[in-house]
Amino acid sequence: MTILNAENSLVLIIDIQDKLLNAVFDKTLLEKKANIIAKAANILQIPVIVTEQYPKGLGNTISSLKESLSETTKYFEKTAFSALEDNDIFDAVKSSNRNRIIIFGIETHICVSQTAAALLEKGYEVNVIRDACGSRSELEYAAGLTRMKDNGAHIITAEIALFEWLKGAKHPNFKEVQSLVK
């Protein structure tokens, strides 16, 4: 069993963009949980990388998520389904010196799954936030989660990540992070 640590975690947000979000089956939950993770990453000083799949056609990262992210967040445009196909994105992951990747976004069975597979292949520990992922259909969403688990990724929830990062109620940011889920 693996427990997350804020000190060796990197958050990788995949393609939570206007047009893509509007097509997923449970966009309200995805947006809420994505914002919670983004705010917690800010509070706990966990680096965040955001990808945008062909933003000219699909729009940019949704405004509520941008508002939840810190000014140090790195944004990258991409056209490949796996974010690691882009050398700039892979270099940003490597230069973070973090080995536990917390990943979520759209679409679970395409870009999230292919990025997770590439990360696993390169030796990273991958933790997929299931309640911050989405696909156009529930069938594809479920298949994407199963595929990632079969490949060796850990499938977790936003609250699992938050409370593993905190470790306990004595963490100096406990109340601030806890307030995100109340």
C-alpha atoms as a PDB file:
ATOM      1  CA  MET A   1       0.000   0.000   0.000  1.00  0.00           C
ATOM      2  CA  THR A   2       1.167   3.491  -0.823  1.00  0.00           C
ATOM      3  CA  ILE A   3       0.428   6.662   1.096  1.00  0.00           C
ATOM      4  CA  LEU A   4       0.890  10.004  -0.669  1.00  0.00           C
ATOM      5  CA  ASN A   5       3.264  12.669   0.595  1.00  0.00           C
ATOM      6  CA  ALA A   6       2.951  16.315  -0.413  1.00  0.00           C
ATOM      7  CA  GLU A   7       6.752  16.505  -0.636  1.00  0.00           C
ATOM      8  CA  ASN A   8       7.045  14.034  -3.508  1.00  0.00           C
ATOM      9  CA  SER A   9       3.717  14.624  -5.298  1.00  0.00           C
ATOM     10  CA  LEU A  10       3.085  16.439  -8.561  1.00  0.00           C
ATOM     11  CA  VAL A  11      -0.444  17.207  -9.781  1.00  0.00           C
ATOM     12  CA  LEU A  12      -0.993  16.717 -13.512  1.00  0.00           C
ATOM     13  CA  ILE A  13      -4.320  18.051 -14.793  1.00  0.00           C
ATOM     14  CA  ILE A  14      -5.297  16.787 -18.229  1.00  0.00           C
ATOM     15  CA  ASP A  15      -7.451  18.857 -20.606  1.00  0.00           C
ATOM     16  CA  ILE A  16     -10.212  20.242 -18.351  1.00  0.00           C
ATOM     17  CA  GLN A  17     -11.334  22.639 -21.047  1.00  0.00           C
ATOM     18  CA  ASP A  18     -14.612  24.332 -21.891  1.00  0.00           C
ATOM     19  CA  LYS A  19     -15.794  22.167 -24.793  1.00  0.00           C
ATOM     20  CA  LEU A  20     -14.514  18.917 -23.313  1.00  0.00           C
ATOM     21  CA  LEU A  21     -16.107  19.529 -19.906  1.00  0.00           C
ATOM     22  CA  ASN A  22     -19.483  20.232 -21.489  1.00  0.00           C
ATOM     23  CA  ALA A  23     -19.420  16.779 -23.118  1.00  0.00           C
ATOM     24  CA  VAL A  24     -18.696  14.645 -20.022  1.00  0.00           C
ATOM     25  CA  PHE A  25     -21.457  12.741 -18.240  1.00  0.00           C
ATOM     26  CA  ASP A  26     -20.860  14.140 -14.727  1.00  0.00           C
ATOM     27  CA  LYS A  27     -19.278  17.531 -15.246  1.00  0.00           C
ATOM     28  CA  THR A  28     -20.452  19.024 -11.930  1.00  0.00           C
ATOM     29  CA  LEU A  29     -18.618  16.468  -9.786  1.00  0.00           C
ATOM     30  CA  LEU A  30     -15.505  16.616 -11.966  1.00  0.00           C
ATOM     31  CA  GLU A  31     -15.305  20.416 -11.779  1.00  0.00           C
ATOM     32  CA  LYS A  32     -15.894  20.458  -8.014  1.00  0.00           C
ATOM     33  CA  LYS A  33     -13.254  17.821  -7.238  1.00  0.00           C
ATOM     34  CA  ALA A  34     -10.728  19.292  -9.682  1.00  0.00           C
ATOM     35  CA  ASN A  35     -11.042  22.649  -7.929  1.00  0.00           C
ATOM     36  CA  ILE A  36     -10.634  21.037  -4.495  1.00  0.00           C
ATOM     37  CA  ILE A  37      -7.412  19.301  -5.550  1.00  0.00           C
ATOM     38  CA  ALA A  38      -6.113  22.499  -7.192  1.00  0.00           C
ATOM     39  CA  LYS A  39      -6.787  24.554  -4.051  1.00  0.00           C
ATOM     40  CA  ALA A  40      -5.217  21.921  -1.797  1.00  0.00           C
ATOM     41  CA  ALA A  41      -2.130  21.787  -4.035  1.00  0.00           C
ATOM     42  CA  ASN A  42      -1.851  25.565  -3.622  1.00  0.00           C
ATOM     43  CA  ILE A  43      -2.138  25.376   0.139  1.00  0.00           C
ATOM     44  CA  LEU A  44       0.341  22.501   0.421  1.00  0.00           C
ATOM     45  CA  GLN A  45       2.730  23.931  -2.199  1.00  0.00           C
ATOM     46  CA  ILE A  46       2.476  20.930  -4.496  1.00  0.00           C
ATOM     47  CA  PRO A  47       3.515  21.783  -8.064  1.00  0.00           C
ATOM     48  CA  VAL A  48       0.853  21.580 -10.761  1.00  0.00           C
ATOM     49  CA  ILE A  49       1.115  21.060 -14.513  1.00  0.00           C
ATOM     50  CA  VAL A  50      -1.939  21.639 -16.722  1.00  0.00           C
ATOM     51  CA  THR A  51      -2.351  20.421 -20.294  1.00  0.00           C
ATOM     52  CA  GLU A  52      -4.746  21.752 -22.892  1.00  0.00           C
ATOM     53  CA  GLN A  53      -5.641  19.608 -25.902  1.00  0.00           C
ATOM     54  CA  TYR A  54      -5.768  21.780 -29.029  1.00  0.00           C
ATOM     55  CA  PRO A  55      -7.090  24.883 -27.206  1.00  0.00           C
ATOM     56  CA  LYS A  56      -7.751  26.729 -30.481  1.00  0.00           C
ATOM     57  CA  GLY A  57     -10.598  24.303 -31.162  1.00  0.00           C
ATOM     58  CA  LEU A  58     -11.512  23.037 -27.676  1.00  0.00           C
ATOM     59  CA  GLY A  59     -11.075  26.182 -25.591  1.00  0.00           C
ATOM     60  CA  ASN A  60      -8.788  26.837 -22.663  1.00  0.00           C
ATOM     61  CA  THR A  61      -8.769  25.437 -19.147  1.00  0.00           C
ATOM     62  CA  ILE A  62     -12.094  26.280 -17.478  1.00  0.00           C
ATOM     63  CA  SER A  63     -12.045  29.596 -15.628  1.00  0.00           C
ATOM     64  CA  SER A  64     -13.044  28.187 -12.215  1.00  0.00           C
ATOM     65  CA  LEU A  65     -10.042  25.861 -12.290  1.00  0.00           C
ATOM     66  CA  LYS A  66      -7.665  28.605 -13.427  1.00  0.00           C
ATOM     67  CA  GLU A  67      -8.851  30.696 -10.476  1.00  0.00           C
ATOM     68  CA  SER A  68      -8.100  27.800  -8.092  1.00  0.00           C
ATOM     69  CA  LEU A  69      -4.547  27.316  -9.357  1.00  0.00           C
ATOM     70  CA  SER A  70      -1.468  29.217  -8.239  1.00  0.00           C
ATOM     71  CA  GLU A  71       0.471  31.634 -10.414  1.00  0.00           C
ATOM     72  CA  THR A  72       3.325  29.105 -10.569  1.00  0.00           C
ATOM     73  CA  THR A  73       1.165  26.558 -12.422  1.00  0.00           C
ATOM     74  CA  LYS A  74       2.684  25.519 -15.734  1.00  0.00           C
ATOM     75  CA  TYR A  75       0.323  25.316 -18.736  1.00  0.00           C
ATOM     76  CA  PHE A  76       1.107  23.376 -21.908  1.00  0.00           C
ATOM     77  CA  GLU A  77      -0.743  23.008 -25.194  1.00  0.00           C
ATOM     78  CA  LYS A  78      -0.704  19.570 -26.768  1.00  0.00           C
ATOM     79  CA  THR A  79      -2.131  17.610 -29.673  1.00  0.00           C
ATOM     80  CA  ALA A  80      -0.986  14.069 -28.799  1.00  0.00           C
ATOM     81  CA  PHE A  81      -3.281  12.092 -26.512  1.00  0.00           C
ATOM     82  CA  SER A  82      -0.450  11.209 -24.113  1.00  0.00           C
ATOM     83  CA  ALA A  83       0.926  14.385 -22.570  1.00  0.00           C
ATOM     84  CA  LEU A  84       4.355  12.764 -22.369  1.00  0.00           C
ATOM     85  CA  GLU A  85       4.606  12.755 -26.162  1.00  0.00           C
ATOM     86  CA  ASP A  86       5.372  16.469 -25.770  1.00  0.00           C
ATOM     87  CA  ASN A  87       9.003  16.869 -24.667  1.00  0.00           C
ATOM     88  CA  ASP A  88       8.296  20.163 -22.885  1.00  0.00           C
ATOM     89  CA  ILE A  89       5.640  18.503 -20.716  1.00  0.00           C
ATOM     90  CA  PHE A  90       7.842  15.506 -19.982  1.00  0.00           C
ATOM     91  CA  ASP A  91      10.750  17.839 -19.134  1.00  0.00           C
ATOM     92  CA  ALA A  92       8.493  19.749 -16.715  1.00  0.00           C
ATOM     93  CA  VAL A  93       7.499  16.488 -15.020  1.00  0.00           C
ATOM     94  CA  LYS A  94      11.143  15.365 -14.772  1.00  0.00           C
ATOM     95  CA  SER A  95      12.407  18.735 -13.519  1.00  0.00           C
ATOM     96  CA  SER A  96       9.846  18.721 -10.689  1.00  0.00           C
ATOM     97  CA  ASN A  97      11.886  15.926  -9.059  1.00  0.00           C
ATOM     98  CA  ARG A  98       8.611  14.389  -7.854  1.00  0.00           C
ATOM     99  CA  ASN A  99       7.972  10.670  -8.372  1.00  0.00           C
ATOM    100  CA  ARG A 100       4.282  10.432  -7.409  1.00  0.00           C
ATOM    101  CA  ILE A 101       2.018  11.831 -10.055  1.00  0.00           C
ATOM    102  CA  ILE A 102      -1.561  12.711  -9.109  1.00  0.00           C
ATOM    103  CA  ILE A 103      -3.442  12.763 -12.406  1.00  0.00           C
ATOM    104  CA  PHE A 104      -7.004  13.579 -13.438  1.00  0.00           C
ATOM    105  CA  GLY A 105      -8.972  15.209 -16.223  1.00  0.00           C
ATOM    106  CA  ILE A 106     -10.713  14.554 -19.516  1.00  0.00           C
ATOM    107  CA  GLU A 107     -11.137  12.095 -21.189  1.00  0.00           C
ATOM    108  CA  THR A 108     -10.463   9.285 -18.749  1.00  0.00           C
ATOM    109  CA  HIS A 109     -10.181   6.579 -21.393  1.00  0.00           C
ATOM    110  CA  ILE A 110      -8.071   8.556 -23.849  1.00  0.00           C
ATOM    111  CA  CYS A 111      -5.737  11.336 -22.715  1.00  0.00           C
ATOM    112  CA  VAL A 112      -5.692  10.510 -18.996  1.00  0.00           C
ATOM    113  CA  SER A 113      -5.228   6.781 -19.627  1.00  0.00           C
ATOM    114  CA  GLN A 114      -2.511   7.192 -22.262  1.00  0.00           C
ATOM    115  CA  THR A 115      -0.624   9.733 -20.125  1.00  0.00           C
ATOM    116  CA  ALA A 116      -0.877   7.452 -17.085  1.00  0.00           C
ATOM    117  CA  ALA A 117       0.494   4.529 -19.129  1.00  0.00           C
ATOM    118  CA  ALA A 118       3.441   6.621 -20.325  1.00  0.00           C
ATOM    119  CA  LEU A 119       4.190   7.786 -16.768  1.00  0.00           C
ATOM    120  CA  LEU A 120       4.090   4.210 -15.476  1.00  0.00           C
ATOM    121  CA  GLU A 121       6.363   3.083 -18.283  1.00  0.00           C
ATOM    122  CA  LYS A 122       8.885   5.735 -17.242  1.00  0.00           C
ATOM    123  CA  GLY A 123       8.860   4.537 -13.620  1.00  0.00           C
ATOM    124  CA  TYR A 124       6.529   7.057 -11.966  1.00  0.00           C
ATOM    125  CA  GLU A 125       3.946   6.084  -9.393  1.00  0.00           C
ATOM    126  CA  VAL A 126       0.574   7.147 -10.791  1.00  0.00           C
ATOM    127  CA  ASN A 127      -2.477   7.993  -8.675  1.00  0.00           C
ATOM    128  CA  VAL A 128      -5.669   8.692 -10.629  1.00  0.00           C
ATOM    129  CA  ILE A 129      -8.317  10.867  -8.956  1.00  0.00           C
ATOM    130  CA  ARG A 130     -11.425   9.016 -10.135  1.00  0.00           C
ATOM    131  CA  ASP A 131     -13.939  11.672  -9.022  1.00  0.00           C
ATOM    132  CA  ALA A 132     -12.036  14.368 -10.945  1.00  0.00           C
ATOM    133  CA  CYS A 133     -11.960  12.399 -14.216  1.00  0.00           C
ATOM    134  CA  GLY A 134     -14.573  12.349 -16.917  1.00  0.00           C
ATOM    135  CA  SER A 135     -15.540  10.905 -20.269  1.00  0.00           C
ATOM    136  CA  ARG A 136     -18.473  11.366 -22.606  1.00  0.00           C
ATOM    137  CA  SER A 137     -19.934   8.055 -21.496  1.00  0.00           C
ATOM    138  CA  GLU A 138     -19.900   6.126 -18.232  1.00  0.00           C
ATOM    139  CA  LEU A 139     -18.862   2.976 -20.082  1.00  0.00           C
ATOM    140  CA  GLU A 140     -15.719   4.625 -21.483  1.00  0.00           C
ATOM    141  CA  TYR A 141     -14.983   6.257 -18.097  1.00  0.00           C
ATOM    142  CA  ALA A 142     -15.174   2.897 -16.301  1.00  0.00           C
ATOM    143  CA  ALA A 143     -13.091   1.190 -18.996  1.00  0.00           C
ATOM    144  CA  GLY A 144     -10.441   3.907 -18.702  1.00  0.00           C
ATOM    145  CA  LEU A 145     -10.193   3.467 -14.925  1.00  0.00           C
ATOM    146  CA  THR A 146      -9.970  -0.320 -15.286  1.00  0.00           C
ATOM    147  CA  ARG A 147      -7.277   0.018 -17.938  1.00  0.00           C
ATOM    148  CA  MET A 148      -5.184   2.331 -15.756  1.00  0.00           C
ATOM    149  CA  LYS A 149      -5.561   0.044 -12.729  1.00  0.00           C
ATOM    150  CA  ASP A 150      -4.597  -2.980 -14.825  1.00  0.00           C
ATOM    151  CA  ASN A 151      -1.501  -1.063 -15.958  1.00  0.00           C
ATOM    152  CA  GLY A 152      -0.484  -0.422 -12.328  1.00  0.00           C
ATOM    153  CA  ALA A 153      -2.004   2.950 -11.459  1.00  0.00           C
ATOM    154  CA  HIS A 154      -3.648   3.528  -8.088  1.00  0.00           C
ATOM    155  CA  ILE A 155      -7.282   4.631  -8.409  1.00  0.00           C
ATOM    156  CA  ILE A 156      -8.176   7.004  -5.569  1.00  0.00           C
ATOM    157  CA  THR A 157     -10.531   9.874  -4.751  1.00  0.00           C
ATOM    158  CA  ALA A 158      -9.898  13.545  -4.093  1.00  0.00           C
ATOM    159  CA  GLU A 159     -10.438  13.105  -0.366  1.00  0.00           C
ATOM    160  CA  ILE A 160      -8.013  10.181  -0.193  1.00  0.00           C
ATOM    161  CA  ALA A 161      -5.334  12.412  -1.742  1.00  0.00           C
ATOM    162  CA  LEU A 162      -6.065  15.354   0.564  1.00  0.00           C
ATOM    163  CA  PHE A 163      -5.992  13.420   3.793  1.00  0.00           C
ATOM    164  CA  GLU A 164      -2.954  11.347   2.816  1.00  0.00           C
ATOM    165  CA  TRP A 165      -1.115  14.590   2.059  1.00  0.00           C
ATOM    166  CA  LEU A 166      -2.101  15.942   5.493  1.00  0.00           C
ATOM    167  CA  LYS A 167      -1.278  12.760   7.448  1.00  0.00           C
ATOM    168  CA  GLY A 168      -3.220  13.979  10.503  1.00  0.00           C
ATOM    169  CA  ALA A 169      -5.066  16.777  12.269  1.00  0.00           C
ATOM    170  CA  LYS A 170      -1.805  18.263  13.561  1.00  0.00           C
ATOM    171  CA  HIS A 171      -0.700  19.303  10.070  1.00  0.00           C
ATOM    172  CA  PRO A 172      -0.368  23.124  10.057  1.00  0.00           C
ATOM    173  CA  ASN A 173      -2.764  23.374   7.086  1.00  0.00           C
ATOM    174  CA  PHE A 174      -5.291  20.798   8.316  1.00  0.00           C
ATOM    175  CA  LYS A 175      -8.218  23.167   8.934  1.00  0.00           C
ATOM    176  CA  GLU A 176      -7.655  25.062   5.694  1.00  0.00           C
ATOM    177  CA  VAL A 177      -7.569  21.880   3.594  1.00  0.00           C
ATOM    178  CA  GLN A 178     -10.381  20.210   5.538  1.00  0.00           C
ATOM    179  CA  SER A 179     -12.591  23.244   4.882  1.00  0.00           C
ATOM    180  CA  LEU A 180     -12.387  22.473   1.146  1.00  0.00           C
ATOM    181  CA  VAL A 181     -14.463  19.306   1.621  1.00  0.00           C
ATOM    182  CA  LYS A 182     -16.945  20.474   4.249  1.00  0.00           C
END
